Amino acid sequence: MWRTLILTSMGLVVVAAEFVGCAGAPLMHRGGIMVDNWADIKADDKTVSEILSAFNRAEMALRAGNLDRLMDLYSDGYEYHGLSKQDLRNVWKELMTQYQGFSSNHIFSRISVTSNTKQTAELTCTGSLWAHSKDTGERVNLDSWYGETHHLVHEQGVWRVVGHAGSAPKGIQFGVAPHPFF
């Protein structure tokens, strides 16, 4: 009986220590682009690599605060919830005046590429966008998304975001926000 009690107590101490260790760890992802281990991939390795490279280039441009290079991720035909590429550029420009030290993370759970007259892709993505406020220095979550579908097109030799799944809401809906970023 004592042995069982001691082993149970030791187990609780280990679990408690692990819990406390988790509580002290940062909850947000450190950033980066990755494909989930269980992702549904309908594309060859070369194409997946090219798509990931497009997002990695955008992430590097974002971290460097280089708006022109960041906008290379978007197709000239970009359209989402009434936002054009120029509108999106203005949004990013405004964010870059208020924030610095940007980072994002993208976890792709599905990549599906089709080849008709133009090569297109749909990516299901979960992630977030973070930055530090220039006013307060505080780290702020600017956007987060779960299961968002990015539409891409292969143009001028690279993959570019042309839009995202979903239509614009007819009115303001609680808890629904468009995700125009990347």
N, C-alpha and C. Protein backbone atom coordinates (compact mmCIF):
# COMPACT_ATOMS: atom_id res chain seq x y z
N MET A 1 0.81 -1.19 0.00
CA MET A 1 0.00 0.00 0.00
C MET A 1 0.86 1.26 0.00
N TRP A 2 1.88 1.28 0.86
CA TRP A 2 2.75 2.45 0.91
C TRP A 2 3.48 2.64 -0.41
N ARG A 3 3.89 1.52 -0.98
CA ARG A 3 4.62 1.60 -2.24
C ARG A 3 3.74 2.24 -3.32
N THR A 4 2.49 1.84 -3.42
CA THR A 4 1.55 2.41 -4.38
C THR A 4 1.36 3.89 -4.12
N LEU A 5 1.21 4.27 -2.85
CA LEU A 5 1.02 5.67 -2.49
C LEU A 5 2.25 6.50 -2.87
N ILE A 6 3.45 5.97 -2.61
CA ILE A 6 4.69 6.68 -2.94
C ILE A 6 4.83 6.83 -4.46
N LEU A 7 4.58 5.75 -5.21
CA LEU A 7 4.69 5.82 -6.66
C LEU A 7 3.65 6.78 -7.24
N THR A 8 2.45 6.76 -6.70
CA THR A 8 1.41 7.68 -7.16
C THR A 8 1.81 9.12 -6.87
N SER A 9 2.34 9.36 -5.68
CA SER A 9 2.78 10.71 -5.31
C SER A 9 3.91 11.19 -6.21
N MET A 10 4.86 10.30 -6.50
CA MET A 10 5.96 10.66 -7.39
C MET A 10 5.43 10.99 -8.78
N GLY A 11 4.46 10.22 -9.24
CA GLY A 11 3.87 10.49 -10.55
C GLY A 11 3.19 11.84 -10.59
N LEU A 12 2.49 12.19 -9.52
CA LEU A 12 1.83 13.50 -9.45
C LEU A 12 2.85 14.64 -9.44
N VAL A 13 3.95 14.44 -8.74
CA VAL A 13 5.01 15.46 -8.71
C VAL A 13 5.57 15.67 -10.11
N VAL A 14 5.83 14.58 -10.85
CA VAL A 14 6.36 14.69 -12.21
C VAL A 14 5.36 15.41 -13.11
N VAL A 15 4.08 15.03 -13.03
CA VAL A 15 3.06 15.69 -13.84
C VAL A 15 2.97 17.17 -13.50
N ALA A 16 2.99 17.49 -12.20
CA ALA A 16 2.92 18.89 -11.78
C ALA A 16 4.12 19.68 -12.29
N ALA A 17 5.30 19.08 -12.21
CA ALA A 17 6.51 19.76 -12.69
C ALA A 17 6.42 20.02 -14.19
N GLU A 18 5.91 19.04 -14.92
CA GLU A 18 5.76 19.22 -16.36
C GLU A 18 4.74 20.31 -16.65
N PHE A 19 3.66 20.35 -15.88
CA PHE A 19 2.64 21.37 -16.07
C PHE A 19 3.21 22.76 -15.81
N VAL A 20 3.94 22.91 -14.71
CA VAL A 20 4.54 24.19 -14.38
C VAL A 20 5.54 24.58 -15.46
N GLY A 21 6.30 23.62 -15.96
CA GLY A 21 7.26 23.90 -17.04
C GLY A 21 6.55 24.41 -18.27
N CYS A 22 5.40 23.82 -18.60
CA CYS A 22 4.63 24.28 -19.76
C CYS A 22 4.08 25.66 -19.53
N ALA A 23 3.66 25.95 -18.30
CA ALA A 23 3.08 27.25 -18.00
C ALA A 23 4.11 28.36 -18.19
N GLY A 24 5.37 28.04 -17.96
CA GLY A 24 6.41 29.05 -18.11
C GLY A 24 6.90 29.21 -19.54
N ALA A 25 6.54 28.27 -20.40
CA ALA A 25 7.01 28.31 -21.78
C ALA A 25 6.12 29.24 -22.60
N PRO A 26 6.68 29.91 -23.60
CA PRO A 26 5.84 30.75 -24.45
C PRO A 26 4.85 29.89 -25.22
N LEU A 27 3.63 30.39 -25.33
CA LEU A 27 2.58 29.61 -25.97
C LEU A 27 2.58 29.77 -27.48
N MET A 28 3.15 30.84 -27.99
CA MET A 28 3.08 31.05 -29.42
C MET A 28 4.24 30.36 -30.13
N HIS A 29 3.99 30.02 -31.34
CA HIS A 29 4.99 29.41 -32.20
C HIS A 29 6.09 30.44 -32.49
N ARG A 30 7.30 30.03 -32.61
CA ARG A 30 8.43 30.94 -32.84
C ARG A 30 8.46 31.49 -34.27
N GLY A 31 7.65 30.97 -35.13
CA GLY A 31 7.60 31.47 -36.50
C GLY A 31 8.18 30.48 -37.48
N GLY A 32 7.76 30.62 -38.72
CA GLY A 32 8.28 29.78 -39.76
C GLY A 32 7.19 29.17 -40.62
N ILE A 33 7.63 28.50 -41.65
CA ILE A 33 6.75 27.87 -42.62
C ILE A 33 6.98 26.37 -42.52
N MET A 34 5.90 25.60 -42.36
CA MET A 34 6.08 24.16 -42.28
C MET A 34 4.87 23.44 -42.84
N VAL A 35 5.09 22.20 -43.22
CA VAL A 35 4.01 21.32 -43.67
C VAL A 35 3.76 20.32 -42.55
N ASP A 36 2.51 20.22 -42.13
CA ASP A 36 2.12 19.29 -41.08
C ASP A 36 2.51 17.86 -41.48
N ASN A 37 2.92 17.06 -40.50
CA ASN A 37 3.30 15.67 -40.76
C ASN A 37 2.19 14.87 -41.42
N TRP A 38 0.94 15.22 -41.14
CA TRP A 38 -0.20 14.48 -41.67
C TRP A 38 -0.87 15.22 -42.82
N ALA A 39 -0.18 16.14 -43.43
CA ALA A 39 -0.77 16.95 -44.49
C ALA A 39 -1.18 16.10 -45.69
N ASP A 40 -2.26 16.51 -46.32
CA ASP A 40 -2.75 15.89 -47.55
C ASP A 40 -2.07 16.63 -48.71
N ILE A 41 -1.11 15.98 -49.34
CA ILE A 41 -0.32 16.61 -50.40
C ILE A 41 -0.69 16.00 -51.75
N LYS A 42 -1.13 16.86 -52.64
CA LYS A 42 -1.43 16.44 -54.01
C LYS A 42 -0.58 17.30 -54.95
N ALA A 43 0.73 17.08 -54.85
CA ALA A 43 1.70 17.80 -55.66
C ALA A 43 3.03 17.08 -55.55
N ASP A 44 3.89 17.29 -56.54
CA ASP A 44 5.21 16.67 -56.48
C ASP A 44 6.11 17.47 -55.54
N ASP A 45 7.21 16.87 -55.11
CA ASP A 45 8.12 17.49 -54.14
C ASP A 45 8.68 18.82 -54.64
N LYS A 46 9.01 18.89 -55.92
CA LYS A 46 9.57 20.13 -56.49
C LYS A 46 8.56 21.27 -56.37
N THR A 47 7.30 21.01 -56.69
CA THR A 47 6.27 22.04 -56.62
C THR A 47 6.03 22.47 -55.18
N VAL A 48 5.97 21.52 -54.27
CA VAL A 48 5.79 21.85 -52.86
C VAL A 48 6.95 22.72 -52.38
N SER A 49 8.16 22.38 -52.78
CA SER A 49 9.34 23.16 -52.42
C SER A 49 9.25 24.59 -52.96
N GLU A 50 8.79 24.74 -54.20
CA GLU A 50 8.64 26.08 -54.80
C GLU A 50 7.59 26.90 -54.05
N ILE A 51 6.49 26.28 -53.65
CA ILE A 51 5.44 26.97 -52.90
C ILE A 51 5.98 27.42 -51.55
N LEU A 52 6.66 26.52 -50.85
CA LEU A 52 7.23 26.86 -49.55
C LEU A 52 8.27 27.97 -49.69
N SER A 53 9.03 27.95 -50.77
CA SER A 53 10.03 29.01 -51.02
C SER A 53 9.36 30.37 -51.16
N ALA A 54 8.21 30.41 -51.82
CA ALA A 54 7.48 31.69 -51.98
C ALA A 54 7.11 32.25 -50.61
N PHE A 55 6.59 31.40 -49.73
CA PHE A 55 6.22 31.86 -48.39
C PHE A 55 7.45 32.21 -47.56
N ASN A 56 8.53 31.46 -47.71
CA ASN A 56 9.77 31.79 -46.99
C ASN A 56 10.35 33.12 -47.45
N ARG A 57 10.29 33.40 -48.75
CA ARG A 57 10.77 34.71 -49.25
C ARG A 57 9.92 35.83 -48.65
N ALA A 58 8.62 35.62 -48.57
CA ALA A 58 7.74 36.63 -48.00
C ALA A 58 8.04 36.84 -46.51
N GLU A 59 8.29 35.74 -45.82
CA GLU A 59 8.63 35.84 -44.39
C GLU A 59 9.92 36.62 -44.19
N MET A 60 10.93 36.36 -45.02
CA MET A 60 12.20 37.10 -44.93
C MET A 60 11.99 38.58 -45.22
N ALA A 61 11.16 38.89 -46.23
CA ALA A 61 10.87 40.28 -46.57
C ALA A 61 10.13 40.96 -45.42
N LEU A 62 9.21 40.25 -44.81
CA LEU A 62 8.46 40.78 -43.68
C LEU A 62 9.39 41.10 -42.52
N ARG A 63 10.26 40.17 -42.19
CA ARG A 63 11.21 40.38 -41.09
C ARG A 63 12.15 41.55 -41.37
N ALA A 64 12.49 41.75 -42.65
CA ALA A 64 13.38 42.85 -43.03
C ALA A 64 12.62 44.16 -43.19
N GLY A 65 11.29 44.10 -43.14
CA GLY A 65 10.49 45.31 -43.34
C GLY A 65 10.53 45.80 -44.77
N ASN A 66 10.75 44.89 -45.73
CA ASN A 66 10.86 45.26 -47.13
C ASN A 66 9.51 45.04 -47.82
N LEU A 67 8.74 46.12 -47.92
CA LEU A 67 7.38 46.05 -48.46
C LEU A 67 7.36 45.58 -49.91
N ASP A 68 8.29 46.06 -50.74
CA ASP A 68 8.30 45.67 -52.15
C ASP A 68 8.51 44.17 -52.31
N ARG A 69 9.49 43.64 -51.58
CA ARG A 69 9.73 42.19 -51.67
C ARG A 69 8.57 41.39 -51.09
N LEU A 70 7.95 41.89 -50.03
CA LEU A 70 6.80 41.20 -49.45
C LEU A 70 5.66 41.14 -50.47
N MET A 71 5.44 42.21 -51.21
CA MET A 71 4.34 42.26 -52.16
C MET A 71 4.57 41.34 -53.35
N ASP A 72 5.80 40.86 -53.55
CA ASP A 72 6.08 39.88 -54.61
C ASP A 72 5.31 38.58 -54.39
N LEU A 73 4.87 38.32 -53.15
CA LEU A 73 4.11 37.11 -52.88
C LEU A 73 2.73 37.16 -53.53
N TYR A 74 2.23 38.36 -53.78
CA TYR A 74 0.86 38.51 -54.27
C TYR A 74 0.81 38.71 -55.78
N SER A 75 -0.13 38.05 -56.41
CA SER A 75 -0.37 38.20 -57.85
C SER A 75 -0.92 39.60 -58.13
N ASP A 76 -0.61 40.13 -59.32
CA ASP A 76 -1.21 41.41 -59.71
C ASP A 76 -2.73 41.30 -59.75
N GLY A 77 -3.23 40.10 -59.96
CA GLY A 77 -4.67 39.87 -59.99
C GLY A 77 -5.27 39.54 -58.63
N TYR A 78 -4.52 39.81 -57.54
CA TYR A 78 -4.99 39.50 -56.20
C TYR A 78 -6.35 40.16 -55.94
N GLU A 79 -7.26 39.40 -55.33
CA GLU A 79 -8.60 39.89 -55.01
C GLU A 79 -9.16 39.07 -53.86
N TYR A 80 -9.56 39.75 -52.80
CA TYR A 80 -10.17 39.07 -51.67
C TYR A 80 -10.99 40.05 -50.86
N HIS A 81 -12.24 39.75 -50.66
CA HIS A 81 -13.16 40.60 -49.91
C HIS A 81 -13.12 42.04 -50.42
N GLY A 82 -12.97 42.18 -51.73
CA GLY A 82 -12.93 43.50 -52.33
C GLY A 82 -11.58 44.19 -52.27
N LEU A 83 -10.59 43.54 -51.67
CA LEU A 83 -9.24 44.12 -51.59
C LEU A 83 -8.43 43.72 -52.82
N SER A 84 -7.81 44.68 -53.43
CA SER A 84 -6.89 44.43 -54.53
C SER A 84 -5.47 44.35 -53.97
N LYS A 85 -4.52 44.06 -54.84
CA LYS A 85 -3.12 44.02 -54.42
C LYS A 85 -2.69 45.40 -53.89
N GLN A 86 -3.12 46.46 -54.54
CA GLN A 86 -2.77 47.81 -54.07
C GLN A 86 -3.38 48.09 -52.70
N ASP A 87 -4.62 47.68 -52.49
CA ASP A 87 -5.25 47.86 -51.18
C ASP A 87 -4.47 47.11 -50.11
N LEU A 88 -4.08 45.89 -50.42
CA LEU A 88 -3.33 45.09 -49.48
C LEU A 88 -1.96 45.72 -49.20
N ARG A 89 -1.36 46.27 -50.22
CA ARG A 89 -0.09 46.97 -50.04
C ARG A 89 -0.25 48.12 -49.04
N ASN A 90 -1.35 48.86 -49.16
CA ASN A 90 -1.62 49.96 -48.25
C ASN A 90 -1.81 49.47 -46.81
N VAL A 91 -2.47 48.33 -46.66
CA VAL A 91 -2.65 47.75 -45.32
C VAL A 91 -1.29 47.39 -44.72
N TRP A 92 -0.45 46.68 -45.50
CA TRP A 92 0.88 46.31 -45.02
C TRP A 92 1.71 47.56 -44.70
N LYS A 93 1.63 48.56 -45.56
CA LYS A 93 2.40 49.80 -45.35
C LYS A 93 2.01 50.45 -44.02
N GLU A 94 0.72 50.51 -43.76
CA GLU A 94 0.23 51.08 -42.50
C GLU A 94 0.71 50.25 -41.31
N LEU A 95 0.64 48.93 -41.43
CA LEU A 95 1.13 48.07 -40.34
C LEU A 95 2.61 48.31 -40.09
N MET A 96 3.39 48.49 -41.15
CA MET A 96 4.82 48.70 -40.99
C MET A 96 5.16 50.06 -40.39
N THR A 97 4.22 51.02 -40.43
CA THR A 97 4.47 52.30 -39.76
C THR A 97 4.19 52.19 -38.26
N GLN A 98 3.35 51.23 -37.87
CA GLN A 98 2.98 51.10 -36.46
C GLN A 98 3.72 50.00 -35.72
N TYR A 99 4.26 49.02 -36.49
CA TYR A 99 4.87 47.85 -35.87
C TYR A 99 6.23 47.55 -36.48
N GLN A 100 7.01 46.78 -35.73
CA GLN A 100 8.32 46.32 -36.21
C GLN A 100 8.55 44.91 -35.67
N GLY A 101 9.61 44.27 -36.13
CA GLY A 101 9.93 42.94 -35.63
C GLY A 101 8.83 41.93 -35.95
N PHE A 102 8.34 41.97 -37.17
CA PHE A 102 7.28 41.06 -37.60
C PHE A 102 7.77 39.62 -37.65
N SER A 103 6.87 38.70 -37.37
CA SER A 103 7.11 37.29 -37.62
C SER A 103 5.75 36.62 -37.81
N SER A 104 5.78 35.54 -38.52
CA SER A 104 4.54 34.81 -38.74
C SER A 104 4.84 33.32 -38.71
N ASN A 105 3.79 32.54 -38.63
CA ASN A 105 3.97 31.11 -38.80
C ASN A 105 2.82 30.59 -39.65
N HIS A 106 3.15 29.58 -40.40
CA HIS A 106 2.20 28.95 -41.31
C HIS A 106 2.39 27.44 -41.20
N ILE A 107 1.31 26.75 -40.90
CA ILE A 107 1.34 25.29 -40.86
C ILE A 107 0.35 24.83 -41.92
N PHE A 108 0.88 24.24 -42.97
CA PHE A 108 0.04 23.78 -44.08
C PHE A 108 -0.43 22.36 -43.82
N SER A 109 -1.74 22.16 -43.89
CA SER A 109 -2.29 20.82 -43.68
C SER A 109 -2.80 20.20 -44.98
N ARG A 110 -2.85 21.00 -46.05
CA ARG A 110 -3.25 20.48 -47.35
C ARG A 110 -2.63 21.34 -48.43
N ILE A 111 -2.05 20.69 -49.44
CA ILE A 111 -1.52 21.37 -50.61
C ILE A 111 -2.02 20.59 -51.81
N SER A 112 -2.80 21.26 -52.64
CA SER A 112 -3.37 20.60 -53.81
C SER A 112 -3.10 21.46 -55.04
N VAL A 113 -2.36 20.90 -56.00
CA VAL A 113 -1.97 21.63 -57.20
C VAL A 113 -2.70 21.05 -58.40
N THR A 114 -3.22 21.93 -59.25
CA THR A 114 -3.86 21.51 -60.50
C THR A 114 -3.15 22.18 -61.66
N SER A 115 -3.12 21.50 -62.78
CA SER A 115 -2.47 22.04 -63.97
C SER A 115 -3.47 22.04 -65.12
N ASN A 116 -4.08 23.15 -65.33
CA ASN A 116 -4.95 23.34 -66.50
C ASN A 116 -4.19 24.24 -67.46
N THR A 117 -4.76 25.34 -67.88
CA THR A 117 -4.01 26.28 -68.71
C THR A 117 -2.96 27.00 -67.87
N LYS A 118 -3.26 27.20 -66.57
CA LYS A 118 -2.32 27.78 -65.62
C LYS A 118 -2.23 26.85 -64.43
N GLN A 119 -1.04 26.73 -63.87
CA GLN A 119 -0.87 25.93 -62.67
C GLN A 119 -1.43 26.71 -61.48
N THR A 120 -2.33 26.09 -60.71
CA THR A 120 -2.89 26.73 -59.53
C THR A 120 -2.75 25.80 -58.34
N ALA A 121 -2.89 26.37 -57.15
CA ALA A 121 -2.78 25.56 -55.94
C ALA A 121 -3.74 26.10 -54.89
N GLU A 122 -4.18 25.19 -54.04
CA GLU A 122 -4.94 25.54 -52.85
C GLU A 122 -4.17 25.01 -51.66
N LEU A 123 -3.97 25.86 -50.66
CA LEU A 123 -3.25 25.47 -49.45
C LEU A 123 -4.15 25.73 -48.27
N THR A 124 -4.33 24.73 -47.42
CA THR A 124 -5.05 24.94 -46.17
C THR A 124 -4.00 25.26 -45.11
N CYS A 125 -4.19 26.37 -44.43
CA CYS A 125 -3.15 26.93 -43.57
C CYS A 125 -3.72 27.37 -42.23
N THR A 126 -2.96 27.12 -41.18
CA THR A 126 -3.25 27.65 -39.86
C THR A 126 -2.01 28.41 -39.43
N GLY A 127 -2.21 29.59 -38.85
CA GLY A 127 -1.04 30.36 -38.46
C GLY A 127 -1.38 31.65 -37.76
N SER A 128 -0.36 32.49 -37.64
CA SER A 128 -0.53 33.77 -36.97
C SER A 128 0.52 34.77 -37.44
N LEU A 129 0.22 36.04 -37.19
CA LEU A 129 1.10 37.15 -37.54
C LEU A 129 1.32 37.97 -36.28
N TRP A 130 2.60 38.18 -35.94
CA TRP A 130 2.98 38.90 -34.72
C TRP A 130 3.91 40.06 -35.06
N ALA A 131 3.95 41.06 -34.20
CA ALA A 131 4.89 42.17 -34.35
C ALA A 131 5.00 42.89 -33.01
N HIS A 132 5.98 43.78 -32.93
CA HIS A 132 6.15 44.61 -31.74
C HIS A 132 5.63 46.02 -32.06
N SER A 133 4.84 46.56 -31.15
CA SER A 133 4.35 47.93 -31.30
C SER A 133 5.52 48.90 -31.22
N LYS A 134 5.58 49.85 -32.16
CA LYS A 134 6.63 50.87 -32.10
C LYS A 134 6.39 51.83 -30.94
N ASP A 135 5.14 51.96 -30.51
CA ASP A 135 4.82 52.87 -29.40
C ASP A 135 5.15 52.27 -28.04
N THR A 136 4.75 51.02 -27.83
CA THR A 136 4.88 50.42 -26.50
C THR A 136 5.97 49.36 -26.40
N GLY A 137 6.40 48.83 -27.54
CA GLY A 137 7.37 47.74 -27.54
C GLY A 137 6.73 46.39 -27.26
N GLU A 138 5.44 46.40 -26.95
CA GLU A 138 4.73 45.16 -26.62
C GLU A 138 4.56 44.30 -27.87
N ARG A 139 4.70 42.99 -27.69
CA ARG A 139 4.47 42.03 -28.77
C ARG A 139 2.97 41.84 -28.92
N VAL A 140 2.49 41.96 -30.16
CA VAL A 140 1.06 41.97 -30.42
C VAL A 140 0.72 40.93 -31.49
N ASN A 141 -0.38 40.21 -31.27
CA ASN A 141 -0.90 39.30 -32.29
C ASN A 141 -1.77 40.13 -33.23
N LEU A 142 -1.32 40.31 -34.46
CA LEU A 142 -2.06 41.12 -35.43
C LEU A 142 -3.12 40.32 -36.17
N ASP A 143 -2.89 39.03 -36.32
CA ASP A 143 -3.84 38.20 -37.04
C ASP A 143 -3.55 36.74 -36.69
N SER A 144 -4.58 35.94 -36.70
CA SER A 144 -4.42 34.50 -36.57
C SER A 144 -5.53 33.85 -37.38
N TRP A 145 -5.25 32.65 -37.85
CA TRP A 145 -6.22 31.97 -38.71
C TRP A 145 -6.13 30.48 -38.51
N TYR A 146 -7.25 29.82 -38.77
CA TYR A 146 -7.32 28.38 -38.63
C TYR A 146 -8.00 27.81 -39.87
N GLY A 147 -7.31 26.92 -40.54
CA GLY A 147 -7.90 26.24 -41.70
C GLY A 147 -8.25 27.17 -42.84
N GLU A 148 -7.52 28.26 -42.99
CA GLU A 148 -7.74 29.21 -44.09
C GLU A 148 -7.24 28.58 -45.39
N THR A 149 -7.96 28.81 -46.48
CA THR A 149 -7.53 28.29 -47.77
C THR A 149 -6.95 29.43 -48.61
N HIS A 150 -5.67 29.32 -48.92
CA HIS A 150 -4.99 30.28 -49.79
C HIS A 150 -5.07 29.75 -51.22
N HIS A 151 -5.41 30.63 -52.16
CA HIS A 151 -5.39 30.28 -53.58
C HIS A 151 -4.13 30.88 -54.18
N LEU A 152 -3.36 30.04 -54.88
CA LEU A 152 -2.12 30.49 -55.51
C LEU A 152 -2.17 30.22 -57.00
N VAL A 153 -1.36 30.98 -57.71
CA VAL A 153 -1.20 30.77 -59.14
C VAL A 153 0.30 30.82 -59.44
N HIS A 154 0.73 30.01 -60.40
CA HIS A 154 2.13 30.01 -60.80
C HIS A 154 2.26 30.98 -61.97
N GLU A 155 2.91 32.12 -61.74
CA GLU A 155 3.06 33.11 -62.79
C GLU A 155 4.46 33.72 -62.74
N GLN A 156 4.98 34.00 -63.90
CA GLN A 156 6.32 34.56 -64.04
C GLN A 156 7.36 33.73 -63.29
N GLY A 157 7.15 32.41 -63.29
CA GLY A 157 8.14 31.49 -62.73
C GLY A 157 8.08 31.29 -61.23
N VAL A 158 7.13 31.94 -60.53
CA VAL A 158 7.02 31.76 -59.08
C VAL A 158 5.56 31.62 -58.67
N TRP A 159 5.35 31.09 -57.47
CA TRP A 159 4.01 30.96 -56.92
C TRP A 159 3.63 32.26 -56.23
N ARG A 160 2.38 32.71 -56.48
CA ARG A 160 1.88 33.94 -55.87
C ARG A 160 0.46 33.72 -55.36
N VAL A 161 0.13 34.39 -54.26
CA VAL A 161 -1.22 34.33 -53.71
C VAL A 161 -2.12 35.20 -54.58
N VAL A 162 -3.23 34.60 -55.02
CA VAL A 162 -4.19 35.33 -55.85
C VAL A 162 -5.47 35.64 -55.07
N GLY A 163 -5.64 34.97 -53.94
CA GLY A 163 -6.81 35.21 -53.09
C GLY A 163 -6.94 34.13 -52.03
N HIS A 164 -8.07 34.15 -51.37
CA HIS A 164 -8.33 33.20 -50.29
C HIS A 164 -9.76 32.72 -50.42
N ALA A 165 -10.06 31.56 -49.86
CA ALA A 165 -11.41 31.00 -49.94
C ALA A 165 -12.38 31.84 -49.11
N GLY A 166 -13.62 31.76 -49.48
CA GLY A 166 -14.66 32.43 -48.72
C GLY A 166 -15.10 33.72 -49.36
N SER A 167 -16.36 33.99 -49.23
CA SER A 167 -16.89 35.23 -49.79
C SER A 167 -17.03 36.25 -48.67
N ALA A 168 -17.09 37.50 -49.04
CA ALA A 168 -17.22 38.58 -48.06
C ALA A 168 -18.57 38.49 -47.36
N PRO A 169 -18.59 38.68 -46.04
CA PRO A 169 -19.87 38.68 -45.35
C PRO A 169 -20.72 39.87 -45.79
N LYS A 170 -22.04 39.68 -45.82
CA LYS A 170 -22.95 40.74 -46.25
C LYS A 170 -23.04 41.85 -45.21
N GLY A 171 -22.81 41.53 -43.97
CA GLY A 171 -22.82 42.51 -42.89
C GLY A 171 -21.77 42.14 -41.88
N ILE A 172 -21.61 42.97 -40.87
CA ILE A 172 -20.62 42.67 -39.83
C ILE A 172 -21.12 41.49 -39.02
N GLN A 173 -20.28 40.48 -38.88
CA GLN A 173 -20.64 39.29 -38.13
C GLN A 173 -19.69 39.14 -36.96
N PHE A 174 -20.23 38.82 -35.82
CA PHE A 174 -19.40 38.61 -34.64
C PHE A 174 -18.44 37.44 -34.87
N GLY A 175 -17.16 37.67 -34.58
CA GLY A 175 -16.18 36.60 -34.66
C GLY A 175 -15.69 36.27 -36.06
N VAL A 176 -16.13 37.01 -37.06
CA VAL A 176 -15.71 36.73 -38.43
C VAL A 176 -14.88 37.90 -38.93
N ALA A 177 -13.64 37.63 -39.28
CA ALA A 177 -12.79 38.67 -39.81
C ALA A 177 -12.09 38.12 -41.05
N PRO A 178 -11.96 38.93 -42.08
CA PRO A 178 -11.24 38.44 -43.27
C PRO A 178 -9.77 38.27 -42.94
N HIS A 179 -9.16 37.35 -43.62
CA HIS A 179 -7.72 37.12 -43.43
C HIS A 179 -7.02 37.41 -44.75
N PRO A 180 -6.62 38.66 -44.99
CA PRO A 180 -6.04 39.00 -46.27
C PRO A 180 -4.54 38.79 -46.39
N PHE A 181 -3.87 38.51 -45.30
CA PHE A 181 -2.41 38.55 -45.33
C PHE A 181 -1.80 37.39 -46.11
N PHE A 182 -1.21 36.45 -45.47
CA PHE A 182 -0.60 35.34 -46.20
C PHE A 182 -0.44 34.12 -45.34
